[in-house]
Amino acid sequence: MAAVKAFDPAACAGSSPERRRDDALLIDRAKQLLMSCLGMSEAQAHRYIEKCAMDGCVKRREIAVRIILTYDD
């Protein structure tokens, strides 16, 4: 019988703490743009980014970059 290893999300993520921090900053900037440009609440902006990422099978970071490129002056 094989031993079961404990789940380690950090090992699965394959990203460094700096990358995760950068991702969070990009996502926050994208949420700010959605709130200011489209009048969304923070919850709506968060849900929009997550839904687009799930529907497109891409990371939230990619959606955030697209939003920033679209709405940032």
N, C-alpha and C. Protein backbone atom coordinates (compact mmCIF):
# COMPACT_ATOMS: atom_id res chain seq x y z
N MET A 1 0.84 -1.18 0.00
CA MET A 1 0.00 0.00 0.00
C MET A 1 0.89 1.25 0.00
N ALA A 2 0.61 2.19 -0.87
CA ALA A 2 1.41 3.40 -0.99
C ALA A 2 1.02 4.41 0.08
N ALA A 3 2.01 5.14 0.55
CA ALA A 3 1.75 6.18 1.54
C ALA A 3 1.11 7.39 0.85
N VAL A 4 0.20 8.03 1.53
CA VAL A 4 -0.48 9.20 1.01
C VAL A 4 0.26 10.44 1.49
N LYS A 5 0.63 11.29 0.56
CA LYS A 5 1.32 12.53 0.92
C LYS A 5 0.31 13.61 1.23
N ALA A 6 0.70 14.52 2.12
CA ALA A 6 -0.15 15.66 2.45
C ALA A 6 -0.18 16.62 1.26
N PHE A 7 -1.30 17.24 1.03
CA PHE A 7 -1.46 18.19 -0.06
C PHE A 7 -0.73 19.48 0.29
N ASP A 8 0.12 19.92 -0.60
CA ASP A 8 0.87 21.16 -0.42
C ASP A 8 0.56 22.09 -1.58
N PRO A 9 -0.34 23.07 -1.37
CA PRO A 9 -0.71 23.95 -2.48
C PRO A 9 0.45 24.74 -3.05
N ALA A 10 1.43 25.09 -2.23
CA ALA A 10 2.57 25.85 -2.71
C ALA A 10 3.38 25.03 -3.71
N ALA A 11 3.49 23.74 -3.46
CA ALA A 11 4.24 22.87 -4.37
C ALA A 11 3.52 22.72 -5.70
N CYS A 12 2.20 22.70 -5.67
CA CYS A 12 1.41 22.55 -6.89
C CYS A 12 1.39 23.84 -7.71
N ALA A 13 1.42 24.94 -7.03
CA ALA A 13 1.30 26.22 -7.72
C ALA A 13 2.48 26.46 -8.65
N GLY A 14 3.66 26.01 -8.26
CA GLY A 14 4.82 26.18 -9.10
C GLY A 14 5.24 27.62 -9.28
N SER A 15 4.86 28.46 -8.34
CA SER A 15 5.24 29.86 -8.46
C SER A 15 5.85 30.34 -7.16
N SER A 16 6.71 31.31 -7.28
CA SER A 16 7.39 31.85 -6.12
C SER A 16 6.48 32.83 -5.40
N PRO A 17 6.82 33.15 -4.16
CA PRO A 17 6.04 34.16 -3.43
C PRO A 17 6.02 35.50 -4.16
N GLU A 18 7.12 35.84 -4.81
CA GLU A 18 7.17 37.11 -5.55
C GLU A 18 6.19 37.10 -6.72
N ARG A 19 6.12 35.96 -7.41
CA ARG A 19 5.19 35.84 -8.55
C ARG A 19 3.75 35.95 -8.07
N ARG A 20 3.44 35.30 -6.96
CA ARG A 20 2.07 35.37 -6.42
C ARG A 20 1.73 36.80 -5.99
N ARG A 21 2.72 37.51 -5.42
CA ARG A 21 2.49 38.90 -5.02
C ARG A 21 2.25 39.77 -6.25
N ASP A 22 3.07 39.55 -7.29
CA ASP A 22 2.90 40.31 -8.53
C ASP A 22 1.53 40.02 -9.17
N ASP A 23 1.13 38.76 -9.14
CA ASP A 23 -0.19 38.39 -9.66
C ASP A 23 -1.29 39.11 -8.90
N ALA A 24 -1.17 39.13 -7.58
CA ALA A 24 -2.19 39.79 -6.75
C ALA A 24 -2.26 41.28 -7.06
N LEU A 25 -1.10 41.91 -7.26
CA LEU A 25 -1.08 43.33 -7.59
C LEU A 25 -1.73 43.60 -8.95
N LEU A 26 -1.45 42.76 -9.93
CA LEU A 26 -2.07 42.91 -11.25
C LEU A 26 -3.58 42.74 -11.17
N ILE A 27 -4.02 41.73 -10.43
CA ILE A 27 -5.44 41.46 -10.30
C ILE A 27 -6.13 42.61 -9.57
N ASP A 28 -5.49 43.14 -8.54
CA ASP A 28 -6.07 44.30 -7.83
C ASP A 28 -6.17 45.51 -8.75
N ARG A 29 -5.16 45.75 -9.57
CA ARG A 29 -5.20 46.87 -10.52
C ARG A 29 -6.34 46.67 -11.52
N ALA A 30 -6.49 45.45 -12.00
CA ALA A 30 -7.57 45.17 -12.94
C ALA A 30 -8.93 45.38 -12.29
N LYS A 31 -9.07 44.96 -11.04
CA LYS A 31 -10.35 45.18 -10.33
C LYS A 31 -10.62 46.67 -10.18
N GLN A 32 -9.59 47.45 -9.86
CA GLN A 32 -9.76 48.90 -9.73
C GLN A 32 -10.24 49.51 -11.04
N LEU A 33 -9.67 49.06 -12.14
CA LEU A 33 -10.08 49.58 -13.44
C LEU A 33 -11.52 49.21 -13.77
N LEU A 34 -11.91 47.97 -13.48
CA LEU A 34 -13.29 47.56 -13.73
C LEU A 34 -14.26 48.38 -12.87
N MET A 35 -13.86 48.65 -11.64
CA MET A 35 -14.74 49.43 -10.76
C MET A 35 -14.86 50.87 -11.24
N SER A 36 -13.74 51.47 -11.66
CA SER A 36 -13.80 52.88 -12.06
C SER A 36 -14.37 53.06 -13.47
N CYS A 37 -14.03 52.18 -14.38
CA CYS A 37 -14.47 52.35 -15.77
C CYS A 37 -15.86 51.79 -16.04
N LEU A 38 -16.22 50.70 -15.39
CA LEU A 38 -17.49 50.05 -15.66
C LEU A 38 -18.48 50.13 -14.50
N GLY A 39 -18.06 50.74 -13.40
CA GLY A 39 -18.97 50.92 -12.26
C GLY A 39 -19.28 49.64 -11.50
N MET A 40 -18.40 48.65 -11.59
CA MET A 40 -18.63 47.41 -10.86
C MET A 40 -18.26 47.58 -9.39
N SER A 41 -18.87 46.77 -8.54
CA SER A 41 -18.41 46.70 -7.16
C SER A 41 -17.16 45.83 -7.13
N GLU A 42 -16.46 45.81 -5.99
CA GLU A 42 -15.27 44.97 -5.90
C GLU A 42 -15.63 43.50 -6.06
N ALA A 43 -16.74 43.10 -5.46
CA ALA A 43 -17.18 41.70 -5.58
C ALA A 43 -17.51 41.34 -7.03
N GLN A 44 -18.17 42.26 -7.74
CA GLN A 44 -18.50 42.01 -9.14
C GLN A 44 -17.24 41.92 -10.00
N ALA A 45 -16.28 42.80 -9.74
CA ALA A 45 -15.03 42.78 -10.50
C ALA A 45 -14.26 41.49 -10.24
N HIS A 46 -14.22 41.07 -8.99
CA HIS A 46 -13.54 39.83 -8.63
C HIS A 46 -14.20 38.65 -9.34
N ARG A 47 -15.51 38.60 -9.28
CA ARG A 47 -16.25 37.49 -9.91
C ARG A 47 -16.04 37.50 -11.43
N TYR A 48 -16.04 38.69 -12.02
CA TYR A 48 -15.85 38.82 -13.46
C TYR A 48 -14.49 38.24 -13.88
N ILE A 49 -13.44 38.60 -13.15
CA ILE A 49 -12.10 38.10 -13.47
C ILE A 49 -12.05 36.59 -13.32
N GLU A 50 -12.60 36.08 -12.23
CA GLU A 50 -12.59 34.63 -12.01
C GLU A 50 -13.39 33.89 -13.09
N LYS A 51 -14.54 34.41 -13.44
CA LYS A 51 -15.38 33.75 -14.44
C LYS A 51 -14.72 33.76 -15.81
N CYS A 52 -14.14 34.88 -16.19
CA CYS A 52 -13.44 34.94 -17.48
C CYS A 52 -12.28 33.96 -17.51
N ALA A 53 -11.56 33.86 -16.41
CA ALA A 53 -10.43 32.92 -16.35
C ALA A 53 -10.92 31.48 -16.47
N MET A 54 -11.99 31.15 -15.77
CA MET A 54 -12.51 29.79 -15.84
C MET A 54 -13.07 29.48 -17.23
N ASP A 55 -13.83 30.40 -17.78
CA ASP A 55 -14.44 30.18 -19.09
C ASP A 55 -13.39 30.06 -20.19
N GLY A 56 -12.31 30.81 -20.07
CA GLY A 56 -11.27 30.79 -21.09
C GLY A 56 -10.13 29.83 -20.81
N CYS A 57 -10.21 29.13 -19.68
CA CYS A 57 -9.14 28.19 -19.28
C CYS A 57 -7.77 28.87 -19.24
N VAL A 58 -7.75 30.06 -18.68
CA VAL A 58 -6.50 30.80 -18.52
C VAL A 58 -6.38 31.25 -17.07
N LYS A 59 -5.21 31.69 -16.70
CA LYS A 59 -4.99 32.16 -15.34
C LYS A 59 -5.61 33.55 -15.15
N ARG A 60 -5.94 33.84 -13.90
CA ARG A 60 -6.50 35.15 -13.58
C ARG A 60 -5.52 36.25 -13.95
N ARG A 61 -4.24 35.98 -13.85
CA ARG A 61 -3.21 36.96 -14.22
C ARG A 61 -3.38 37.39 -15.68
N GLU A 62 -3.63 36.42 -16.57
CA GLU A 62 -3.80 36.72 -17.99
C GLU A 62 -5.02 37.62 -18.22
N ILE A 63 -6.11 37.33 -17.54
CA ILE A 63 -7.31 38.16 -17.65
C ILE A 63 -7.02 39.56 -17.13
N ALA A 64 -6.30 39.65 -16.02
CA ALA A 64 -5.97 40.95 -15.44
C ALA A 64 -5.13 41.77 -16.42
N VAL A 65 -4.16 41.14 -17.06
CA VAL A 65 -3.32 41.85 -18.04
C VAL A 65 -4.17 42.36 -19.20
N ARG A 66 -5.09 41.54 -19.68
CA ARG A 66 -5.98 41.97 -20.78
C ARG A 66 -6.83 43.17 -20.37
N ILE A 67 -7.36 43.13 -19.14
CA ILE A 67 -8.18 44.24 -18.64
C ILE A 67 -7.34 45.51 -18.53
N ILE A 68 -6.14 45.38 -18.01
CA ILE A 68 -5.25 46.54 -17.86
C ILE A 68 -4.92 47.14 -19.22
N LEU A 69 -4.61 46.28 -20.19
CA LEU A 69 -4.30 46.78 -21.54
C LEU A 69 -5.50 47.45 -22.19
N THR A 70 -6.70 46.98 -21.85
CA THR A 70 -7.91 47.53 -22.45
C THR A 70 -8.31 48.87 -21.82
N TYR A 71 -8.26 48.95 -20.49
CA TYR A 71 -8.84 50.10 -19.80
C TYR A 71 -7.85 51.10 -19.22
N ASP A 72 -6.57 50.75 -19.13
CA ASP A 72 -5.60 51.67 -18.55
C ASP A 72 -5.22 52.72 -19.57
N ASP A 73 -5.21 53.96 -19.15
CA ASP A 73 -4.90 55.07 -20.07
C ASP A 73 -3.46 55.13 -20.41
